[in-house]
N, C-alpha and C. Protein backbone atom coordinates (compact mmCIF):
# COMPACT_ATOMS: atom_id res chain seq x y z
N UNK A 1 -33.97 -26.22 12.68
CA UNK A 1 -33.93 -27.32 13.60
C UNK A 1 -32.50 -27.44 14.13
N UNK A 2 -32.39 -27.56 15.44
CA UNK A 2 -31.07 -27.67 16.07
C UNK A 2 -30.64 -29.11 16.28
N UNK A 3 -31.61 -30.01 16.45
CA UNK A 3 -31.27 -31.39 16.76
C UNK A 3 -32.42 -32.29 16.33
N UNK A 4 -32.13 -33.58 16.21
CA UNK A 4 -33.16 -34.55 15.85
C UNK A 4 -32.88 -35.89 16.49
N UNK A 5 -33.95 -36.60 16.78
CA UNK A 5 -33.84 -37.94 17.32
C UNK A 5 -34.82 -38.84 16.59
N UNK A 6 -34.56 -40.13 16.62
CA UNK A 6 -35.43 -41.08 15.94
C UNK A 6 -35.81 -42.20 16.90
N UNK A 7 -37.11 -42.29 17.18
CA UNK A 7 -37.64 -43.39 17.97
C UNK A 7 -38.38 -44.31 17.02
N UNK A 8 -38.25 -45.62 17.21
CA UNK A 8 -38.98 -46.59 16.40
C UNK A 8 -39.67 -47.58 17.32
N UNK A 9 -40.71 -48.20 16.81
CA UNK A 9 -41.43 -49.22 17.55
C UNK A 9 -40.86 -50.58 17.19
N UNK A 10 -40.50 -51.37 18.21
CA UNK A 10 -39.98 -52.70 17.95
C UNK A 10 -41.13 -53.71 17.85
N UNK A 11 -40.82 -54.99 17.67
CA UNK A 11 -41.84 -56.02 17.49
C UNK A 11 -42.87 -56.09 18.62
N UNK A 12 -42.45 -56.01 19.90
CA UNK A 12 -43.45 -56.04 20.97
C UNK A 12 -44.23 -54.72 21.13
N UNK A 13 -43.90 -53.71 20.32
CA UNK A 13 -44.60 -52.44 20.40
C UNK A 13 -43.96 -51.42 21.33
N UNK A 14 -42.75 -51.68 21.77
CA UNK A 14 -42.01 -50.75 22.64
C UNK A 14 -41.25 -49.74 21.78
N UNK A 15 -41.26 -48.49 22.21
CA UNK A 15 -40.46 -47.48 21.52
C UNK A 15 -39.00 -47.61 21.93
N UNK A 16 -38.12 -47.47 20.96
CA UNK A 16 -36.67 -47.56 21.19
C UNK A 16 -35.98 -46.40 20.48
N UNK A 17 -34.94 -45.90 21.10
CA UNK A 17 -34.13 -44.86 20.48
C UNK A 17 -33.19 -45.52 19.47
N UNK A 18 -33.29 -45.08 18.22
CA UNK A 18 -32.43 -45.63 17.17
C UNK A 18 -31.29 -44.70 16.79
N UNK A 19 -31.53 -43.39 16.86
CA UNK A 19 -30.49 -42.45 16.45
C UNK A 19 -30.78 -41.08 17.03
N UNK A 20 -29.72 -40.30 17.17
CA UNK A 20 -29.84 -38.91 17.63
C UNK A 20 -28.69 -38.11 17.02
N UNK A 21 -28.98 -36.86 16.73
CA UNK A 21 -27.97 -36.01 16.10
C UNK A 21 -26.91 -35.52 17.06
N UNK A 22 -27.16 -35.67 18.34
CA UNK A 22 -26.19 -35.22 19.35
C UNK A 22 -26.68 -35.59 20.73
N UNK A 23 -25.91 -35.22 21.72
CA UNK A 23 -26.23 -35.59 23.10
C UNK A 23 -27.53 -34.94 23.59
N UNK A 24 -27.78 -33.71 23.20
CA UNK A 24 -29.01 -33.04 23.63
C UNK A 24 -30.24 -33.78 23.11
N UNK A 25 -30.22 -34.15 21.82
CA UNK A 25 -31.34 -34.89 21.23
C UNK A 25 -31.47 -36.26 21.86
N UNK A 26 -30.36 -36.93 22.09
CA UNK A 26 -30.38 -38.25 22.73
C UNK A 26 -31.00 -38.15 24.12
N UNK A 27 -30.59 -37.16 24.88
CA UNK A 27 -31.12 -36.97 26.23
C UNK A 27 -32.61 -36.71 26.21
N UNK A 28 -33.07 -35.88 25.28
CA UNK A 28 -34.49 -35.58 25.17
C UNK A 28 -35.30 -36.84 24.86
N UNK A 29 -34.84 -37.63 23.89
CA UNK A 29 -35.57 -38.84 23.52
C UNK A 29 -35.61 -39.84 24.69
N UNK A 30 -34.48 -40.04 25.34
CA UNK A 30 -34.45 -40.98 26.46
C UNK A 30 -35.30 -40.49 27.62
N UNK A 31 -35.32 -39.19 27.83
CA UNK A 31 -36.14 -38.61 28.89
C UNK A 31 -37.62 -38.87 28.62
N UNK A 32 -38.04 -38.69 27.37
CA UNK A 32 -39.43 -38.94 27.01
C UNK A 32 -39.80 -40.40 27.22
N UNK A 33 -38.90 -41.29 26.85
CA UNK A 33 -39.17 -42.72 27.05
C UNK A 33 -39.27 -43.05 28.54
N UNK A 34 -38.40 -42.49 29.32
CA UNK A 34 -38.40 -42.79 30.76
C UNK A 34 -39.67 -42.32 31.45
N UNK A 35 -40.13 -41.12 31.11
CA UNK A 35 -41.28 -40.54 31.80
C UNK A 35 -42.59 -40.68 31.01
N UNK A 36 -42.52 -41.31 29.85
CA UNK A 36 -43.70 -41.57 29.03
C UNK A 36 -44.51 -40.31 28.73
N UNK A 37 -43.82 -39.23 28.47
CA UNK A 37 -44.45 -37.97 28.10
C UNK A 37 -43.52 -37.20 27.17
N UNK A 38 -44.12 -36.41 26.32
CA UNK A 38 -43.34 -35.54 25.45
C UNK A 38 -43.91 -35.53 24.04
N UNK A 39 -43.38 -34.66 23.21
CA UNK A 39 -43.92 -34.49 21.86
C UNK A 39 -43.83 -35.76 21.01
N UNK A 40 -42.77 -36.51 21.12
CA UNK A 40 -42.63 -37.72 20.31
C UNK A 40 -43.67 -38.77 20.70
N UNK A 41 -43.91 -38.93 21.99
CA UNK A 41 -44.89 -39.91 22.44
C UNK A 41 -46.30 -39.47 22.09
N UNK A 42 -46.57 -38.17 22.14
CA UNK A 42 -47.88 -37.67 21.71
C UNK A 42 -48.09 -37.94 20.22
N UNK A 43 -47.06 -37.77 19.44
CA UNK A 43 -47.13 -38.01 18.00
C UNK A 43 -47.44 -39.49 17.73
N UNK A 44 -46.72 -40.37 18.38
CA UNK A 44 -46.95 -41.80 18.20
C UNK A 44 -48.35 -42.19 18.67
N UNK A 45 -48.75 -41.69 19.82
CA UNK A 45 -50.05 -42.04 20.38
C UNK A 45 -51.23 -41.48 19.61
N UNK A 46 -51.05 -40.29 19.06
CA UNK A 46 -52.15 -39.63 18.37
C UNK A 46 -52.13 -39.77 16.86
N UNK A 47 -51.00 -40.22 16.33
CA UNK A 47 -50.90 -40.38 14.89
C UNK A 47 -50.82 -39.09 14.11
N UNK A 48 -50.49 -37.99 14.79
CA UNK A 48 -50.39 -36.69 14.13
C UNK A 48 -49.09 -36.01 14.52
N UNK A 49 -48.64 -35.12 13.65
CA UNK A 49 -47.43 -34.35 13.92
C UNK A 49 -47.67 -33.48 15.16
N UNK A 50 -46.69 -33.44 16.04
CA UNK A 50 -46.73 -32.57 17.21
C UNK A 50 -45.62 -31.55 17.04
N UNK A 51 -46.01 -30.30 16.90
CA UNK A 51 -45.04 -29.22 16.71
C UNK A 51 -44.66 -28.63 18.06
N UNK A 52 -43.38 -28.66 18.37
CA UNK A 52 -42.89 -28.12 19.64
C UNK A 52 -41.56 -27.42 19.36
N UNK A 53 -41.62 -26.15 18.93
CA UNK A 53 -40.40 -25.45 18.55
C UNK A 53 -39.45 -25.14 19.71
N UNK A 54 -39.97 -25.11 20.92
CA UNK A 54 -39.13 -24.77 22.08
C UNK A 54 -39.45 -25.72 23.23
N UNK A 55 -38.65 -26.75 23.39
CA UNK A 55 -38.90 -27.73 24.45
C UNK A 55 -38.64 -27.17 25.84
N UNK A 56 -38.09 -25.96 25.92
CA UNK A 56 -37.89 -25.30 27.21
C UNK A 56 -38.95 -24.24 27.48
N UNK A 57 -39.82 -24.01 26.50
CA UNK A 57 -40.78 -22.92 26.59
C UNK A 57 -41.97 -23.21 27.49
N UNK A 58 -42.74 -22.16 27.73
CA UNK A 58 -43.90 -22.24 28.63
C UNK A 58 -44.94 -23.22 28.11
N UNK A 59 -45.17 -23.24 26.80
CA UNK A 59 -46.18 -24.17 26.24
C UNK A 59 -45.77 -25.62 26.51
N UNK A 60 -44.52 -25.94 26.28
CA UNK A 60 -44.05 -27.31 26.53
C UNK A 60 -44.15 -27.66 28.01
N UNK A 61 -43.84 -26.73 28.86
CA UNK A 61 -43.92 -27.00 30.31
C UNK A 61 -45.36 -27.21 30.76
N UNK A 62 -46.31 -26.49 30.15
CA UNK A 62 -47.73 -26.69 30.47
C UNK A 62 -48.20 -28.05 29.98
N UNK A 63 -47.79 -28.38 28.80
CA UNK A 63 -48.26 -29.61 28.16
C UNK A 63 -47.63 -30.86 28.75
N UNK A 64 -46.35 -30.80 29.04
CA UNK A 64 -45.62 -31.94 29.60
C UNK A 64 -44.89 -31.46 30.84
N UNK A 65 -45.47 -31.71 31.98
CA UNK A 65 -44.90 -31.22 33.24
C UNK A 65 -43.47 -31.70 33.43
N UNK A 66 -42.65 -30.82 33.91
CA UNK A 66 -41.24 -31.15 34.13
C UNK A 66 -41.09 -32.04 35.35
N UNK A 67 -40.22 -32.99 35.23
CA UNK A 67 -39.90 -33.87 36.35
C UNK A 67 -39.01 -33.13 37.33
N UNK A 68 -39.16 -33.39 38.62
CA UNK A 68 -38.28 -32.76 39.60
C UNK A 68 -36.82 -33.12 39.39
N UNK A 69 -36.58 -34.25 38.75
CA UNK A 69 -35.19 -34.68 38.54
C UNK A 69 -34.65 -34.28 37.17
N UNK A 70 -35.40 -33.47 36.44
CA UNK A 70 -34.98 -33.07 35.09
C UNK A 70 -33.74 -32.21 35.13
N UNK A 71 -32.69 -32.65 34.51
CA UNK A 71 -31.49 -31.82 34.45
C UNK A 71 -31.76 -30.56 33.62
N UNK A 72 -31.34 -29.45 34.11
CA UNK A 72 -31.57 -28.17 33.42
C UNK A 72 -30.95 -28.15 32.05
N UNK A 73 -29.84 -28.85 31.85
CA UNK A 73 -29.15 -28.82 30.56
C UNK A 73 -29.83 -29.67 29.52
N UNK A 74 -30.79 -30.50 29.89
CA UNK A 74 -31.46 -31.33 28.91
C UNK A 74 -32.43 -30.54 28.07
N UNK A 75 -33.05 -29.52 28.65
CA UNK A 75 -34.01 -28.75 27.89
C UNK A 75 -35.17 -29.59 27.41
N UNK A 76 -35.62 -30.53 28.20
CA UNK A 76 -36.67 -31.41 27.74
C UNK A 76 -37.88 -31.37 28.65
N UNK A 77 -39.05 -31.54 28.05
CA UNK A 77 -40.26 -31.61 28.87
C UNK A 77 -40.46 -32.98 29.44
N UNK A 78 -41.33 -33.07 30.37
CA UNK A 78 -41.71 -34.38 30.87
C UNK A 78 -43.08 -34.68 30.35
């Protein structure tokens, strides 16, 4: 694992970023919250682990369409 982020649900049920191991992880988590898509949101919504070893890979791009405004350096799906 290269990076990690932690999203938690607050009292009203909103997901919030609590911690990230670095800027890349922080960007990925915030991107998922902004666009309401990604492995973390699928995990929360489905109640099951979502394995995504390569957030830049073809599988991730098929599953979570990239936003036109996605910065290339973020390496995150939409």
